[in-house]
C-alpha atoms as a PDB file:
ATOM      1  CA  MET A   1      -0.539   0.494   0.118  1.00  0.00           C
ATOM      2  CA  SER A   2       1.663   3.492  -0.528  1.00  0.00           C
ATOM      3  CA  ASP A   3       2.353   6.095   1.583  1.00  0.00           C
ATOM      4  CA  ILE A   4       0.333   8.546  -0.132  1.00  0.00           C
ATOM      5  CA  ILE A   5      -3.134   8.953  -0.229  1.00  0.00           C
ATOM      6  CA  VAL A   6      -5.366   9.860  -2.907  1.00  0.00           C
ATOM      7  CA  ILE A   7      -9.112  10.335  -2.801  1.00  0.00           C
ATOM      8  CA  SER A   8     -11.387  11.298  -5.791  1.00  0.00           C
ATOM      9  CA  ILE A   9     -13.530  12.879  -6.004  1.00  0.00           C
ATOM     10  CA  ILE A  10     -17.349  12.354  -8.504  1.00  0.00           C
ATOM     11  CA  ASP A  11     -19.220  14.647  -9.497  1.00  0.00           C
ATOM     12  CA  ASP A  12     -20.696  16.338 -11.701  1.00  0.00           C
ATOM     13  CA  ASP A  13     -20.968  19.766  -9.710  1.00  0.00           C
ATOM     14  CA  LYS A  14     -17.029  21.919 -10.576  1.00  0.00           C
ATOM     15  CA  PHE A  15     -18.150  24.024  -7.247  1.00  0.00           C
ATOM     16  CA  VAL A  16     -19.060  20.801  -5.459  1.00  0.00           C
ATOM     17  CA  ARG A  17     -15.955  18.631  -5.733  1.00  0.00           C
ATOM     18  CA  ASP A  18     -14.196  22.139  -5.798  1.00  0.00           C
ATOM     19  CA  ALA A  19     -15.309  22.608  -2.204  1.00  0.00           C
ATOM     20  CA  VAL A  20     -14.348  18.855  -1.171  1.00  0.00           C
ATOM     21  CA  LYS A  21     -11.318  19.090  -2.593  1.00  0.00           C
ATOM     22  CA  SER A  22     -10.288  22.446  -0.909  1.00  0.00           C
ATOM     23  CA  LEU A  23     -11.373  20.164   2.703  1.00  0.00           C
ATOM     24  CA  VAL A  24      -9.411  17.041   1.119  1.00  0.00           C
ATOM     25  CA  ARG A  25      -6.346  18.963   0.550  1.00  0.00           C
ATOM     26  CA  SER A  26      -6.707  21.170   3.914  1.00  0.00           C
ATOM     27  CA  LEU A  27      -6.137  17.602   5.750  1.00  0.00           C
ATOM     28  CA  GLY A  28      -3.186  16.776   3.925  1.00  0.00           C
ATOM     29  CA  TYR A  29      -4.316  14.177   1.446  1.00  0.00           C
ATOM     30  CA  HIS A  30      -3.709  13.957  -2.630  1.00  0.00           C
ATOM     31  CA  ALA A  31      -6.731  14.774  -4.124  1.00  0.00           C
ATOM     32  CA  ALA A  32      -7.757  13.527  -7.530  1.00  0.00           C
ATOM     33  CA  GLU A  33     -11.227  14.930  -8.574  1.00  0.00           C
ATOM     34  CA  HIS A  34     -13.464  13.888 -11.560  1.00  0.00           C
ATOM     35  CA  ALA A  35     -16.912  15.426 -12.987  1.00  0.00           C
ATOM     36  CA  SER A  36     -18.580  12.075 -13.564  1.00  0.00           C
ATOM     37  CA  ALA A  37     -17.989   8.267 -13.071  1.00  0.00           C
ATOM     38  CA  GLU A  38     -16.810   7.111 -16.187  1.00  0.00           C
ATOM     39  CA  ASP A  39     -14.062  10.315 -16.640  1.00  0.00           C
ATOM     40  CA  TYR A  40     -13.098   7.899 -13.028  1.00  0.00           C
ATOM     41  CA  LEU A  41     -13.346   4.783 -14.663  1.00  0.00           C
ATOM     42  CA  ARG A  42     -11.204   5.760 -17.473  1.00  0.00           C
ATOM     43  CA  SER A  43      -8.289   8.063 -14.919  1.00  0.00           C
ATOM     44  CA  ASN A  44      -5.474   6.843 -13.443  1.00  0.00           C
ATOM     45  CA  ALA A  45      -7.081   7.381 -10.346  1.00  0.00           C
ATOM     46  CA  HIS A  46      -8.724   4.676 -10.913  1.00  0.00           C
ATOM     47  CA  GLY A  47      -7.346   1.498  -8.699  1.00  0.00           C
ATOM     48  CA  SER A  48      -5.028   3.697  -7.275  1.00  0.00           C
ATOM     49  CA  SER A  49      -7.178   6.026  -5.153  1.00  0.00           C
ATOM     50  CA  SER A  50      -7.221   5.417  -1.207  1.00  0.00           C
ATOM     51  CA  CYS A  51     -10.977   6.472  -0.653  1.00  0.00           C
ATOM     52  CA  LEU A  52     -13.450   7.560  -3.055  1.00  0.00           C
ATOM     53  CA  ILE A  53     -16.128  10.483  -2.214  1.00  0.00           C
ATOM     54  CA  THR A  54     -18.702  10.552  -4.634  1.00  0.00           C
ATOM     55  CA  ASP A  55     -22.241  11.665  -6.080  1.00  0.00           C
ATOM     56  CA  ILE A  56     -25.404   9.418  -6.324  1.00  0.00           C
ATOM     57  CA  GLN A  57     -27.084  11.402  -9.034  1.00  0.00           C
ATOM     58  CA  MET A  58     -24.787  12.564 -11.782  1.00  0.00           C
ATOM     59  CA  PRO A  59     -25.139  12.207 -15.596  1.00  0.00           C
ATOM     60  CA  GLY A  60     -24.656   8.772 -16.935  1.00  0.00           C
ATOM     61  CA  MET A  61     -23.239   5.872 -14.343  1.00  0.00           C
ATOM     62  CA  SER A  62     -24.314   6.957 -11.364  1.00  0.00           C
ATOM     63  CA  GLY A  63     -22.136   7.077  -7.853  1.00  0.00           C
ATOM     64  CA  ALA A  64     -24.222   3.062  -7.264  1.00  0.00           C
ATOM     65  CA  ASP A  65     -23.880   2.201 -10.079  1.00  0.00           C
ATOM     66  CA  LEU A  66     -20.417   2.697  -9.809  1.00  0.00           C
ATOM     67  CA  GLN A  67     -19.743   1.248  -6.089  1.00  0.00           C
ATOM     68  CA  ALA A  68     -21.617  -2.217  -7.735  1.00  0.00           C
ATOM     69  CA  ARG A  69     -18.757  -2.037 -10.533  1.00  0.00           C
ATOM     70  CA  LEU A  70     -16.331  -1.631  -8.728  1.00  0.00           C
ATOM     71  CA  ILE A  71     -17.511  -4.482  -6.804  1.00  0.00           C
ATOM     72  CA  ALA A  72     -17.904  -6.715  -9.792  1.00  0.00           C
ATOM     73  CA  GLU A  73     -14.570  -6.371 -10.686  1.00  0.00           C
ATOM     74  CA  GLY A  74     -12.927  -7.296  -6.227  1.00  0.00           C
ATOM     75  CA  ASN A  75     -12.321  -3.271  -6.731  1.00  0.00           C
ATOM     76  CA  PHE A  76     -13.529  -2.257  -2.705  1.00  0.00           C
ATOM     77  CA  THR A  77     -11.849   0.522  -2.511  1.00  0.00           C
ATOM     78  CA  PRO A  78     -13.857   2.429  -0.043  1.00  0.00           C
ATOM     79  CA  ILE A  79     -16.257   5.094  -1.116  1.00  0.00           C
ATOM     80  CA  ILE A  80     -18.443   7.924   0.507  1.00  0.00           C
ATOM     81  CA  PHE A  81     -21.665   8.765  -0.827  1.00  0.00           C
ATOM     82  CA  MET A  82     -22.676  12.429  -1.518  1.00  0.00           C
ATOM     83  CA  THR A  83     -26.719  13.258  -2.672  1.00  0.00           C
ATOM     84  CA  ALA A  84     -29.062  16.063  -2.775  1.00  0.00           C
ATOM     85  CA  PHE A  85     -31.477  13.685  -3.845  1.00  0.00           C
ATOM     86  CA  ASP A  86     -32.217  11.400  -0.667  1.00  0.00           C
ATOM     87  CA  ASP A  87     -33.271   8.219  -1.648  1.00  0.00           C
ATOM     88  CA  GLU A  88     -34.065   5.756   0.593  1.00  0.00           C
ATOM     89  CA  LYS A  89     -33.847   2.701  -0.658  1.00  0.00           C
ATOM     90  CA  ILE A  90     -30.555   3.678  -2.557  1.00  0.00           C
ATOM     91  CA  CYS A  91     -29.180   4.746   0.495  1.00  0.00           C
ATOM     92  CA  ALA A  92     -29.897   1.517   2.612  1.00  0.00           C
ATOM     93  CA  ARG A  93     -28.245  -0.464  -0.670  1.00  0.00           C
ATOM     94  CA  VAL A  94     -24.975   1.088  -0.667  1.00  0.00           C
ATOM     95  CA  LEU A  95     -24.749   0.896   3.027  1.00  0.00           C
ATOM     96  CA  LYS A  96     -25.117  -2.561   3.185  1.00  0.00           C
ATOM     97  CA  ASP A  97     -22.726  -2.401   0.340  1.00  0.00           C
ATOM     98  CA  GLY A  98     -20.252  -1.127   2.212  1.00  0.00           C
ATOM     99  CA  ALA A  99     -20.471   2.635   1.788  1.00  0.00           C
ATOM    100  CA  PHE A 100     -18.696   4.250   4.119  1.00  0.00           C
ATOM    101  CA  GLY A 101     -20.931   7.244   4.633  1.00  0.00           C
ATOM    102  CA  TYR A 102     -23.939   8.601   3.475  1.00  0.00           C
ATOM    103  CA  LEU A 103     -24.224  12.617   3.473  1.00  0.00           C
ATOM    104  CA  LYS A 104     -26.996  14.386   1.948  1.00  0.00           C
ATOM    105  CA  LYS A 105     -25.941  18.531   0.100  1.00  0.00           C
ATOM    106  CA  PRO A 106     -25.463  19.952   1.687  1.00  0.00           C
ATOM    107  CA  PHE A 107     -23.382  18.922   4.473  1.00  0.00           C
ATOM    108  CA  ASP A 108     -20.876  19.804   7.525  1.00  0.00           C
ATOM    109  CA  GLU A 109     -17.610  19.292   6.423  1.00  0.00           C
ATOM    110  CA  ALA A 110     -16.754  17.291  10.127  1.00  0.00           C
ATOM    111  CA  ALA A 111     -19.495  14.349   9.259  1.00  0.00           C
ATOM    112  CA  LEU A 112     -16.582  14.068   5.508  1.00  0.00           C
ATOM    113  CA  ILE A 113     -14.066  13.667   7.823  1.00  0.00           C
ATOM    114  CA  GLN A 114     -15.307  11.518  10.350  1.00  0.00           C
ATOM    115  CA  CYS A 115     -16.071   9.388   7.466  1.00  0.00           C
ATOM    116  CA  LEU A 116     -12.967  10.478   5.596  1.00  0.00           C
ATOM    117  CA  GLU A 117     -10.831   9.314   8.695  1.00  0.00           C
ATOM    118  CA  LYS A 118     -12.980   5.647   9.309  1.00  0.00           C
ATOM    119  CA  ALA A 119     -12.918   4.916   4.953  1.00  0.00           C
ATOM    120  CA  LEU A 120      -9.172   5.315   5.382  1.00  0.00           C
ATOM    121  CA  LYS A 121      -8.989   3.334   8.898  1.00  0.00           C
ATOM    122  CA  ASN A 122     -10.584   0.739   7.257  1.00  0.00           C
ATOM    123  CA  ARG A 123      -9.005   0.720   3.753  1.00  0.00           C
ATOM    124  CA  GLY A 124      -7.671  -2.545   2.644  1.00  0.00           C
ATOM    125  CA  THR A 125      -9.910  -4.736   4.643  1.00  0.00           C
ATOM    126  CA  VAL A 126     -12.784  -6.555   3.283  1.00  0.00           C
END
């Protein structure tokens, strides 16, 4: 496992990506930003991220579908979800499949930090 911690931020809203990236960097981590799940999957960060922070509802592949694809590939990178459109069924699904957080936008920075710390502490475990 690399000593460099890379947090991939996946959201179609640039404002959200920039805000989360700023927070991640303030915590001392490297941040990689992606405008879609597909962009993430095509990137060098795919497979080398320490944690993903992703929106659920995006054009193209959703965050929940990204999680399902990664699991099918045997990739159990910790994932934290954020959403402006709360859906109990999706929340239950992503948490059942191992998500380390489900945050409703707008969320408190402390809530994201807590999820991130938990995810990084548990990365590499299945």
